[in-house]
Amino acid sequence: MAECAVFLDKPMQIRQAIIANAQGIHCRPSAVIVKEFQGYSGRIRISNETGSCDVSSVMQLISLEMHMGSKVKVEVMGENEVAVADRLVELFQTHFDFPPL
């Protein structure tokens, strides 16, 4: 679900993702997400019923307790925000396989 909101007169991309990984977003998937967006100059916010955080820290992502089937809200404001929001949804909806079988 794509949505464009306005925050302080600036557009923002809002998406919803459903966690697909059987083990949820644990250490390794969190590390993949943090690494992918390291250095992104825009604003990224992830939230669910547990709380919210940005994607700068593995520990912050883990603290959201994102289990398989849980919903997360993705908010992105900044350069290439449509592509960034879409990529975050894709990662949250990825079936990570650590280690590969």
PDB file of N, CA and C in Angstrom:
ATOM      1  N   MET A   1       0.842  -1.169   0.000  1.00  0.00           N
ATOM      2  CA  MET A   1       0.000   0.000   0.000  1.00  0.00           C
ATOM      3  C   MET A   1       0.888   1.233   0.000  1.00  0.00           C
ATOM      4  N   ALA A   2       0.801   2.053  -1.020  1.00  0.00           N
ATOM      5  CA  ALA A   2       1.590   3.268  -1.121  1.00  0.00           C
ATOM      6  C   ALA A   2       0.742   4.460  -0.729  1.00  0.00           C
ATOM      7  N   GLU A   3       1.368   5.383  -0.052  1.00  0.00           N
ATOM      8  CA  GLU A   3       0.677   6.585   0.386  1.00  0.00           C
ATOM      9  C   GLU A   3       1.700   7.703   0.419  1.00  0.00           C
ATOM     10  N   CYS A   4       1.258   8.883   0.095  1.00  0.00           N
ATOM     11  CA  CYS A   4       2.118  10.050   0.192  1.00  0.00           C
ATOM     12  C   CYS A   4       1.492  10.996   1.200  1.00  0.00           C
ATOM     13  N   ALA A   5       2.216  11.339   2.233  1.00  0.00           N
ATOM     14  CA  ALA A   5       1.722  12.249   3.258  1.00  0.00           C
ATOM     15  C   ALA A   5       2.560  13.519   3.228  1.00  0.00           C
ATOM     16  N   VAL A   6       2.135  14.500   3.970  1.00  0.00           N
ATOM     17  CA  VAL A   6       2.874  15.751   4.054  1.00  0.00           C
ATOM     18  C   VAL A   6       3.300  15.963   5.503  1.00  0.00           C
ATOM     19  N   PHE A   7       4.577  16.210   5.697  1.00  0.00           N
ATOM     20  CA  PHE A   7       5.134  16.468   7.023  1.00  0.00           C
ATOM     21  C   PHE A   7       5.835  17.814   6.946  1.00  0.00           C
ATOM     22  N   LEU A   8       5.306  18.776   7.679  1.00  0.00           N
ATOM     23  CA  LEU A   8       5.863  20.129   7.654  1.00  0.00           C
ATOM     24  C   LEU A   8       6.005  20.640   6.223  1.00  0.00           C
ATOM     25  N   ASP A   9       4.948  20.485   5.435  1.00  0.00           N
ATOM     26  CA  ASP A   9       4.882  20.946   4.045  1.00  0.00           C
ATOM     27  C   ASP A   9       5.846  20.222   3.112  1.00  0.00           C
ATOM     28  N   LYS A  10       6.358  19.078   3.528  1.00  0.00           N
ATOM     29  CA  LYS A  10       7.241  18.290   2.663  1.00  0.00           C
ATOM     30  C   LYS A  10       6.591  16.929   2.445  1.00  0.00           C
ATOM     31  N   PRO A  11       6.617  16.419   1.219  1.00  0.00           N
ATOM     32  CA  PRO A  11       6.017  15.099   0.975  1.00  0.00           C
ATOM     33  C   PRO A  11       6.798  13.993   1.666  1.00  0.00           C
ATOM     34  N   MET A  12       6.077  12.931   2.006  1.00  0.00           N
ATOM     35  CA  MET A  12       6.680  11.781   2.673  1.00  0.00           C
ATOM     36  C   MET A  12       6.018  10.527   2.117  1.00  0.00           C
ATOM     37  N   GLN A  13       6.792   9.505   1.871  1.00  0.00           N
ATOM     38  CA  GLN A  13       6.256   8.224   1.423  1.00  0.00           C
ATOM     39  C   GLN A  13       5.946   7.365   2.636  1.00  0.00           C
ATOM     40  N   ILE A  14       4.758   6.778   2.641  1.00  0.00           N
ATOM     41  CA  ILE A  14       4.341   5.894   3.731  1.00  0.00           C
ATOM     42  C   ILE A  14       3.928   4.561   3.128  1.00  0.00           C
ATOM     43  N   ARG A  15       4.450   3.486   3.700  1.00  0.00           N
ATOM     44  CA  ARG A  15       4.121   2.142   3.239  1.00  0.00           C
ATOM     45  C   ARG A  15       3.821   1.270   4.451  1.00  0.00           C
ATOM     46  N   GLN A  16       3.159   0.173   4.187  1.00  0.00           N
ATOM     47  CA  GLN A  16       2.950  -0.842   5.214  1.00  0.00           C
ATOM     48  C   GLN A  16       3.553  -2.132   4.695  1.00  0.00           C
ATOM     49  N   ALA A  17       4.231  -2.846   5.571  1.00  0.00           N
ATOM     50  CA  ALA A  17       4.817  -4.138   5.209  1.00  0.00           C
ATOM     51  C   ALA A  17       4.391  -5.168   6.238  1.00  0.00           C
ATOM     52  N   ILE A  18       4.325  -6.410   5.790  1.00  0.00           N
ATOM     53  CA  ILE A  18       4.046  -7.526   6.691  1.00  0.00           C
ATOM     54  C   ILE A  18       5.290  -8.404   6.705  1.00  0.00           C
ATOM     55  N   ILE A  19       5.825  -8.631   7.886  1.00  0.00           N
ATOM     56  CA  ILE A  19       7.070  -9.390   8.030  1.00  0.00           C
ATOM     57  C   ILE A  19       6.869 -10.813   7.518  1.00  0.00           C
ATOM     58  N   ALA A  20       7.715 -11.219   6.574  1.00  0.00           N
ATOM     59  CA  ALA A  20       7.578 -12.528   5.942  1.00  0.00           C
ATOM     60  C   ALA A  20       8.565 -13.562   6.481  1.00  0.00           C
ATOM     61  N   ASN A  21       9.685 -13.121   7.024  1.00  0.00           N
ATOM     62  CA  ASN A  21      10.698 -14.059   7.472  1.00  0.00           C
ATOM     63  C   ASN A  21      10.183 -14.910   8.637  1.00  0.00           C
ATOM     64  N   ALA A  22      10.383 -16.209   8.545  1.00  0.00           N
ATOM     65  CA  ALA A  22       9.875 -17.137   9.566  1.00  0.00           C
ATOM     66  C   ALA A  22      10.391 -16.808  10.963  1.00  0.00           C
ATOM     67  N   GLN A  23      11.599 -16.316  11.065  1.00  0.00           N
ATOM     68  CA  GLN A  23      12.180 -15.974  12.364  1.00  0.00           C
ATOM     69  C   GLN A  23      12.029 -14.490  12.696  1.00  0.00           C
ATOM     70  N   GLY A  24      11.280 -13.766  11.888  1.00  0.00           N
ATOM     71  CA  GLY A  24      11.104 -12.335  12.118  1.00  0.00           C
ATOM     72  C   GLY A  24      12.339 -11.550  11.712  1.00  0.00           C
ATOM     73  N   ILE A  25      12.373 -10.300  12.133  1.00  0.00           N
ATOM     74  CA  ILE A  25      13.532  -9.451  11.835  1.00  0.00           C
ATOM     75  C   ILE A  25      14.455  -9.498  13.046  1.00  0.00           C
ATOM     76  N   HIS A  26      15.355 -10.460  12.995  1.00  0.00           N
ATOM     77  CA  HIS A  26      16.323 -10.659  14.070  1.00  0.00           C
ATOM     78  C   HIS A  26      17.638  -9.989  13.683  1.00  0.00           C
ATOM     79  N   CYS A  27      18.732 -10.395  14.291  1.00  0.00           N
ATOM     80  CA  CYS A  27      20.031  -9.744  14.100  1.00  0.00           C
ATOM     81  C   CYS A  27      20.487  -9.645  12.640  1.00  0.00           C
ATOM     82  N   ARG A  28      20.488 -10.750  11.953  1.00  0.00           N
ATOM     83  CA  ARG A  28      21.034 -10.745  10.592  1.00  0.00           C
ATOM     84  C   ARG A  28      20.179  -9.940   9.616  1.00  0.00           C
ATOM     85  N   PRO A  29      18.866 -10.132   9.561  1.00  0.00           N
ATOM     86  CA  PRO A  29      18.080  -9.264   8.673  1.00  0.00           C
ATOM     87  C   PRO A  29      18.187  -7.788   9.066  1.00  0.00           C
ATOM     88  N   SER A  30      18.249  -7.502  10.358  1.00  0.00           N
ATOM     89  CA  SER A  30      18.417  -6.114  10.808  1.00  0.00           C
ATOM     90  C   SER A  30      19.725  -5.539  10.287  1.00  0.00           C
ATOM     91  N   ALA A  31      20.779  -6.333  10.331  1.00  0.00           N
ATOM     92  CA  ALA A  31      22.084  -5.873   9.840  1.00  0.00           C
ATOM     93  C   ALA A  31      22.035  -5.585   8.345  1.00  0.00           C
ATOM     94  N   VAL A  32      21.321  -6.418   7.585  1.00  0.00           N
ATOM     95  CA  VAL A  32      21.166  -6.191   6.143  1.00  0.00           C
ATOM     96  C   VAL A  32      20.464  -4.851   5.904  1.00  0.00           C
ATOM     97  N   ILE A  33      19.406  -4.593   6.660  1.00  0.00           N
ATOM     98  CA  ILE A  33      18.637  -3.357   6.501  1.00  0.00           C
ATOM     99  C   ILE A  33      19.483  -2.136   6.885  1.00  0.00           C
ATOM    100  N   VAL A  34      20.164  -2.199   8.021  1.00  0.00           N
ATOM    101  CA  VAL A  34      21.001  -1.081   8.460  1.00  0.00           C
ATOM    102  C   VAL A  34      22.085  -0.794   7.425  1.00  0.00           C
ATOM    103  N   LYS A  35      22.752  -1.840   6.948  1.00  0.00           N
ATOM    104  CA  LYS A  35      23.830  -1.661   5.966  1.00  0.00           C
ATOM    105  C   LYS A  35      23.309  -1.044   4.672  1.00  0.00           C
ATOM    106  N   GLU A  36      22.152  -1.489   4.210  1.00  0.00           N
ATOM    107  CA  GLU A  36      21.585  -0.998   2.956  1.00  0.00           C
ATOM    108  C   GLU A  36      21.321   0.511   2.989  1.00  0.00           C
ATOM    109  N   PHE A  37      20.921   1.033   4.148  1.00  0.00           N
ATOM    110  CA  PHE A  37      20.533   2.444   4.215  1.00  0.00           C
ATOM    111  C   PHE A  37      21.516   3.312   4.995  1.00  0.00           C
ATOM    112  N   GLN A  38      22.672   2.746   5.292  1.00  0.00           N
ATOM    113  CA  GLN A  38      23.729   3.494   5.954  1.00  0.00           C
ATOM    114  C   GLN A  38      24.118   4.668   5.059  1.00  0.00           C
ATOM    115  N   GLY A  39      24.115   5.835   5.600  1.00  0.00           N
ATOM    116  CA  GLY A  39      24.512   7.002   4.819  1.00  0.00           C
ATOM    117  C   GLY A  39      23.373   7.673   4.068  1.00  0.00           C
ATOM    118  N   TYR A  40      22.160   7.116   4.128  1.00  0.00           N
ATOM    119  CA  TYR A  40      21.028   7.769   3.469  1.00  0.00           C
ATOM    120  C   TYR A  40      20.773   9.098   4.174  1.00  0.00           C
ATOM    121  N   SER A  41      20.715  10.164   3.397  1.00  0.00           N
ATOM    122  CA  SER A  41      20.615  11.503   3.986  1.00  0.00           C
ATOM    123  C   SER A  41      19.195  11.901   4.385  1.00  0.00           C
ATOM    124  N   GLY A  42      18.211  11.140   3.931  1.00  0.00           N
ATOM    125  CA  GLY A  42      16.829  11.456   4.272  1.00  0.00           C
ATOM    126  C   GLY A  42      16.431  10.909   5.629  1.00  0.00           C
ATOM    127  N   ARG A  43      15.138  10.996   5.905  1.00  0.00           N
ATOM    128  CA  ARG A  43      14.587  10.529   7.186  1.00  0.00           C
ATOM    129  C   ARG A  43      13.823   9.234   6.946  1.00  0.00           C
ATOM    130  N   ILE A  44      14.161   8.192   7.702  1.00  0.00           N
ATOM    131  CA  ILE A  44      13.464   6.912   7.634  1.00  0.00           C
ATOM    132  C   ILE A  44      12.966   6.581   9.030  1.00  0.00           C
ATOM    133  N   ARG A  45      11.696   6.216   9.105  1.00  0.00           N
ATOM    134  CA  ARG A  45      11.101   5.840  10.393  1.00  0.00           C
ATOM    135  C   ARG A  45      10.347   4.530  10.220  1.00  0.00           C
ATOM    136  N   ILE A  46      10.580   3.587  11.106  1.00  0.00           N
ATOM    137  CA  ILE A  46       9.890   2.304  11.124  1.00  0.00           C
ATOM    138  C   ILE A  46       9.080   2.261  12.410  1.00  0.00           C
ATOM    139  N   SER A  47       7.811   1.876  12.322  1.00  0.00           N
ATOM    140  CA  SER A  47       7.013   1.810  13.543  1.00  0.00           C
ATOM    141  C   SER A  47       6.047   0.634  13.503  1.00  0.00           C
ATOM    142  N   ASN A  48       5.686   0.169  14.685  1.00  0.00           N
ATOM    143  CA  ASN A  48       4.670  -0.865  14.871  1.00  0.00           C
ATOM    144  C   ASN A  48       4.051  -0.659  16.238  1.00  0.00           C
ATOM    145  N   GLU A  49       3.281  -1.629  16.709  1.00  0.00           N
ATOM    146  CA  GLU A  49       2.609  -1.469  18.001  1.00  0.00           C
ATOM    147  C   GLU A  49       3.589  -1.428  19.174  1.00  0.00           C
ATOM    148  N   THR A  50       4.826  -1.846  18.964  1.00  0.00           N
ATOM    149  CA  THR A  50       5.840  -1.866  20.019  1.00  0.00           C
ATOM    150  C   THR A  50       6.530  -0.511  20.181  1.00  0.00           C
ATOM    151  N   GLY A  51       6.666   0.234  19.081  1.00  0.00           N
ATOM    152  CA  GLY A  51       7.356   1.519  19.138  1.00  0.00           C
ATOM    153  C   GLY A  51       7.796   1.958  17.757  1.00  0.00           C
ATOM    154  N   SER A  52       8.818   2.800  17.709  1.00  0.00           N
ATOM    155  CA  SER A  52       9.344   3.264  16.432  1.00  0.00           C
ATOM    156  C   SER A  52      10.834   3.547  16.551  1.00  0.00           C
ATOM    157  N   CYS A  53      11.500   3.552  15.402  1.00  0.00           N
ATOM    158  CA  CYS A  53      12.932   3.834  15.359  1.00  0.00           C
ATOM    159  C   CYS A  53      13.331   4.191  13.937  1.00  0.00           C
ATOM    160  N   ASP A  54      14.577   4.626  13.786  1.00  0.00           N
ATOM    161  CA  ASP A  54      15.100   4.807  12.439  1.00  0.00           C
ATOM    162  C   ASP A  54      15.846   3.521  12.069  1.00  0.00           C
ATOM    163  N   VAL A  55      16.561   3.527  10.972  1.00  0.00           N
ATOM    164  CA  VAL A  55      17.257   2.298  10.563  1.00  0.00           C
ATOM    165  C   VAL A  55      18.773   2.422  10.712  1.00  0.00           C
ATOM    166  N   SER A  56      19.197   3.180  11.703  1.00  0.00           N
ATOM    167  CA  SER A  56      20.631   3.378  11.897  1.00  0.00           C
ATOM    168  C   SER A  56      21.253   2.359  12.838  1.00  0.00           C
ATOM    169  N   SER A  57      20.419   1.553  13.509  1.00  0.00           N
ATOM    170  CA  SER A  57      20.947   0.644  14.522  1.00  0.00           C
ATOM    171  C   SER A  57      20.238  -0.708  14.491  1.00  0.00           C
ATOM    172  N   VAL A  58      21.023  -1.764  14.478  1.00  0.00           N
ATOM    173  CA  VAL A  58      20.491  -3.119  14.542  1.00  0.00           C
ATOM    174  C   VAL A  58      19.687  -3.294  15.827  1.00  0.00           C
ATOM    175  N   MET A  59      20.206  -2.801  16.932  1.00  0.00           N
ATOM    176  CA  MET A  59      19.529  -2.967  18.222  1.00  0.00           C
ATOM    177  C   MET A  59      18.170  -2.265  18.243  1.00  0.00           C
ATOM    178  N   GLN A  60      18.080  -1.099  17.610  1.00  0.00           N
ATOM    179  CA  GLN A  60      16.795  -0.404  17.555  1.00  0.00           C
ATOM    180  C   GLN A  60      15.773  -1.229  16.775  1.00  0.00           C
ATOM    181  N   LEU A  61      16.187  -1.779  15.644  1.00  0.00           N
ATOM    182  CA  LEU A  61      15.266  -2.601  14.851  1.00  0.00           C
ATOM    183  C   LEU A  61      14.834  -3.841  15.628  1.00  0.00           C
ATOM    184  N   ILE A  62      15.766  -4.493  16.288  1.00  0.00           N
ATOM    185  CA  ILE A  62      15.445  -5.684  17.072  1.00  0.00           C
ATOM    186  C   ILE A  62      14.456  -5.340  18.187  1.00  0.00           C
ATOM    187  N   SER A  63      14.597  -4.154  18.770  1.00  0.00           N
ATOM    188  CA  SER A  63      13.725  -3.759  19.884  1.00  0.00           C
ATOM    189  C   SER A  63      12.253  -3.644  19.472  1.00  0.00           C
ATOM    190  N   LEU A  64      11.981  -3.537  18.165  1.00  0.00           N
ATOM    191  CA  LEU A  64      10.589  -3.470  17.704  1.00  0.00           C
ATOM    192  C   LEU A  64       9.908  -4.835  17.699  1.00  0.00           C
ATOM    193  N   GLU A  65      10.669  -5.898  17.947  1.00  0.00           N
ATOM    194  CA  GLU A  65      10.115  -7.251  18.029  1.00  0.00           C
ATOM    195  C   GLU A  65       9.220  -7.572  16.838  1.00  0.00           C
ATOM    196  N   MET A  66       9.794  -7.459  15.646  1.00  0.00           N
ATOM    197  CA  MET A  66       9.047  -7.704  14.410  1.00  0.00           C
ATOM    198  C   MET A  66       9.041  -9.194  14.088  1.00  0.00           C
ATOM    199  N   HIS A  67       7.947  -9.857  14.418  1.00  0.00           N
ATOM    200  CA  HIS A  67       7.792 -11.288  14.197  1.00  0.00           C
ATOM    201  C   HIS A  67       7.078 -11.546  12.877  1.00  0.00           C
ATOM    202  N   MET A  68       7.195 -12.764  12.371  1.00  0.00           N
ATOM    203  CA  MET A  68       6.514 -13.133  11.134  1.00  0.00           C
ATOM    204  C   MET A  68       5.022 -12.810  11.244  1.00  0.00           C
ATOM    205  N   GLY A  69       4.503 -12.144  10.225  1.00  0.00           N
ATOM    206  CA  GLY A  69       3.090 -11.799  10.179  1.00  0.00           C
ATOM    207  C   GLY A  69       2.745 -10.460  10.804  1.00  0.00           C
ATOM    208  N   SER A  70       3.695  -9.865  11.522  1.00  0.00           N
ATOM    209  CA  SER A  70       3.402  -8.565  12.129  1.00  0.00           C
ATOM    210  C   SER A  70       3.512  -7.454  11.086  1.00  0.00           C
ATOM    211  N   LYS A  71       2.753  -6.388  11.327  1.00  0.00           N
ATOM    212  CA  LYS A  71       2.725  -5.252  10.407  1.00  0.00           C
ATOM    213  C   LYS A  71       3.667  -4.162  10.894  1.00  0.00           C
ATOM    214  N   VAL A  72       4.355  -3.536   9.939  1.00  0.00           N
ATOM    215  CA  VAL A  72       5.201  -2.392  10.244  1.00  0.00           C
ATOM    216  C   VAL A  72       4.867  -1.258   9.288  1.00  0.00           C
ATOM    217  N   LYS A  73       5.003  -0.060   9.782  1.00  0.00           N
ATOM    218  CA  LYS A  73       4.789   1.139   8.981  1.00  0.00           C
ATOM    219  C   LYS A  73       6.155   1.698   8.621  1.00  0.00           C
ATOM    220  N   VAL A  74       6.338   2.027   7.356  1.00  0.00           N
ATOM    221  CA  VAL A  74       7.588   2.571   6.844  1.00  0.00           C
ATOM    222  C   VAL A  74       7.314   4.002   6.381  1.00  0.00           C
ATOM    223  N   GLU A  75       8.077   4.949   6.887  1.00  0.00           N
ATOM    224  CA  GLU A  75       7.938   6.346   6.488  1.00  0.00           C
ATOM    225  C   GLU A  75       9.295   6.846   6.002  1.00  0.00           C
ATOM    226  N   VAL A  76       9.305   7.445   4.816  1.00  0.00           N
ATOM    227  CA  VAL A  76      10.554   7.933   4.241  1.00  0.00           C
ATOM    228  C   VAL A  76      10.338   9.349   3.710  1.00  0.00           C
ATOM    229  N   MET A  77      11.259  10.225   4.050  1.00  0.00           N
ATOM    230  CA  MET A  77      11.246  11.579   3.528  1.00  0.00           C
ATOM    231  C   MET A  77      12.670  11.930   3.116  1.00  0.00           C
ATOM    232  N   GLY A  78      12.835  12.303   1.863  1.00  0.00           N
ATOM    233  CA  GLY A  78      14.164  12.665   1.380  1.00  0.00           C
ATOM    234  C   GLY A  78      14.357  12.257  -0.062  1.00  0.00           C
ATOM    235  N   GLU A  79      15.585  12.299  -0.484  1.00  0.00           N
ATOM    236  CA  GLU A  79      15.947  11.968  -1.859  1.00  0.00           C
ATOM    237  C   GLU A  79      15.553  10.526  -2.199  1.00  0.00           C
ATOM    238  N   ASN A  80      14.989  10.341  -3.373  1.00  0.00           N
ATOM    239  CA  ASN A  80      14.582   9.013  -3.862  1.00  0.00           C
ATOM    240  C   ASN A  80      13.662   8.291  -2.887  1.00  0.00           C
ATOM    241  N   GLU A  81      12.791   9.029  -2.223  1.00  0.00           N
ATOM    242  CA  GLU A  81      11.967   8.442  -1.161  1.00  0.00           C
ATOM    243  C   GLU A  81      11.051   7.328  -1.651  1.00  0.00           C
ATOM    244  N   VAL A  82      10.564   7.398  -2.882  1.00  0.00           N
ATOM    245  CA  VAL A  82       9.698   6.333  -3.398  1.00  0.00           C
ATOM    246  C   VAL A  82      10.493   5.029  -3.495  1.00  0.00           C
ATOM    247  N   ALA A  83      11.667   5.099  -4.087  1.00  0.00           N
ATOM    248  CA  ALA A  83      12.504   3.905  -4.242  1.00  0.00           C
ATOM    249  C   ALA A  83      12.974   3.372  -2.887  1.00  0.00           C
ATOM    250  N   VAL A  84      13.312   4.262  -1.977  1.00  0.00           N
ATOM    251  CA  VAL A  84      13.775   3.846  -0.649  1.00  0.00           C
ATOM    252  C   VAL A  84      12.641   3.156   0.110  1.00  0.00           C
ATOM    253  N   ALA A  85      11.447   3.745   0.088  1.00  0.00           N
ATOM    254  CA  ALA A  85      10.301   3.139   0.769  1.00  0.00           C
ATOM    255  C   ALA A  85       9.973   1.777   0.173  1.00  0.00           C
ATOM    256  N   ASP A  86       9.990   1.682  -1.152  1.00  0.00           N
ATOM    257  CA  ASP A  86       9.713   0.402  -1.813  1.00  0.00           C
ATOM    258  C   ASP A  86      10.748  -0.653  -1.438  1.00  0.00           C
ATOM    259  N   ARG A  87      12.015  -0.263  -1.383  1.00  0.00           N
ATOM    260  CA  ARG A  87      13.082  -1.210  -1.038  1.00  0.00           C
ATOM    261  C   ARG A  87      12.952  -1.687   0.410  1.00  0.00           C
ATOM    262  N   LEU A  88      12.590  -0.788   1.315  1.00  0.00           N
ATOM    263  CA  LEU A  88      12.392  -1.196   2.710  1.00  0.00           C
ATOM    264  C   LEU A  88      11.268  -2.214   2.821  1.00  0.00           C
ATOM    265  N   VAL A  89      10.169  -1.969   2.138  1.00  0.00           N
ATOM    266  CA  VAL A  89       9.051  -2.927   2.155  1.00  0.00           C
ATOM    267  C   VAL A  89       9.526  -4.269   1.614  1.00  0.00           C
ATOM    268  N   GLU A  90      10.279  -4.229   0.521  1.00  0.00           N
ATOM    269  CA  GLU A  90      10.807  -5.465  -0.074  1.00  0.00           C
ATOM    270  C   GLU A  90      11.659  -6.233   0.938  1.00  0.00           C
ATOM    271  N   LEU A  91      12.519  -5.539   1.671  1.00  0.00           N
ATOM    272  CA  LEU A  91      13.375  -6.207   2.656  1.00  0.00           C
ATOM    273  C   LEU A  91      12.559  -6.789   3.810  1.00  0.00           C
ATOM    274  N   PHE A  92      11.576  -6.035   4.302  1.00  0.00           N
ATOM    275  CA  PHE A  92      10.747  -6.552   5.394  1.00  0.00           C
ATOM    276  C   PHE A  92       9.921  -7.752   4.946  1.00  0.00           C
ATOM    277  N   GLN A  93       9.638  -7.841   3.668  1.00  0.00           N
ATOM    278  CA  GLN A  93       8.825  -8.935   3.153  1.00  0.00           C
ATOM    279  C   GLN A  93       9.665 -10.029   2.492  1.00  0.00           C
ATOM    280  N   THR A  94      10.959 -10.044   2.810  1.00  0.00           N
ATOM    281  CA  THR A  94      11.887 -11.050   2.285  1.00  0.00           C
ATOM    282  C   THR A  94      11.938 -12.244   3.227  1.00  0.00           C
ATOM    283  N   HIS A  95      12.010 -13.437   2.648  1.00  0.00           N
ATOM    284  CA  HIS A  95      12.233 -14.660   3.416  1.00  0.00           C
ATOM    285  C   HIS A  95      13.740 -14.863   3.489  1.00  0.00           C
ATOM    286  N   PHE A  96      14.360 -14.323   4.533  1.00  0.00           N
ATOM    287  CA  PHE A  96      15.806 -14.469   4.707  1.00  0.00           C
ATOM    288  C   PHE A  96      16.095 -15.919   5.089  1.00  0.00           C
ATOM    289  N   ASP A  97      17.213 -16.405   4.623  1.00  0.00           N
ATOM    290  CA  ASP A  97      17.602 -17.772   4.906  1.00  0.00           C
ATOM    291  C   ASP A  97      19.037 -17.747   5.429  1.00  0.00           C
ATOM    292  N   PHE A  98      19.198 -17.595   6.724  1.00  0.00           N
ATOM    293  CA  PHE A  98      20.510 -17.527   7.350  1.00  0.00           C
ATOM    294  C   PHE A  98      20.698 -18.728   8.258  1.00  0.00           C
ATOM    295  N   PRO A  99      21.678 -19.537   8.121  1.00  0.00           N
ATOM    296  CA  PRO A  99      22.504 -19.652   6.916  1.00  0.00           C
ATOM    297  C   PRO A  99      21.745 -20.399   5.821  1.00  0.00           C
ATOM    298  N   PRO A 100      22.206 -20.262   4.590  1.00  0.00           N
ATOM    299  CA  PRO A 100      21.528 -20.967   3.496  1.00  0.00           C
ATOM    300  C   PRO A 100      21.524 -22.479   3.738  1.00  0.00           C
ATOM    301  N   LEU A 101      20.437 -23.114   3.371  1.00  0.00           N
ATOM    302  CA  LEU A 101      20.351 -24.581   3.553  1.00  0.00           C
ATOM    303  C   LEU A 101      21.010 -25.308   2.410  1.00  0.00           C
TER     304      LEU A 101
END
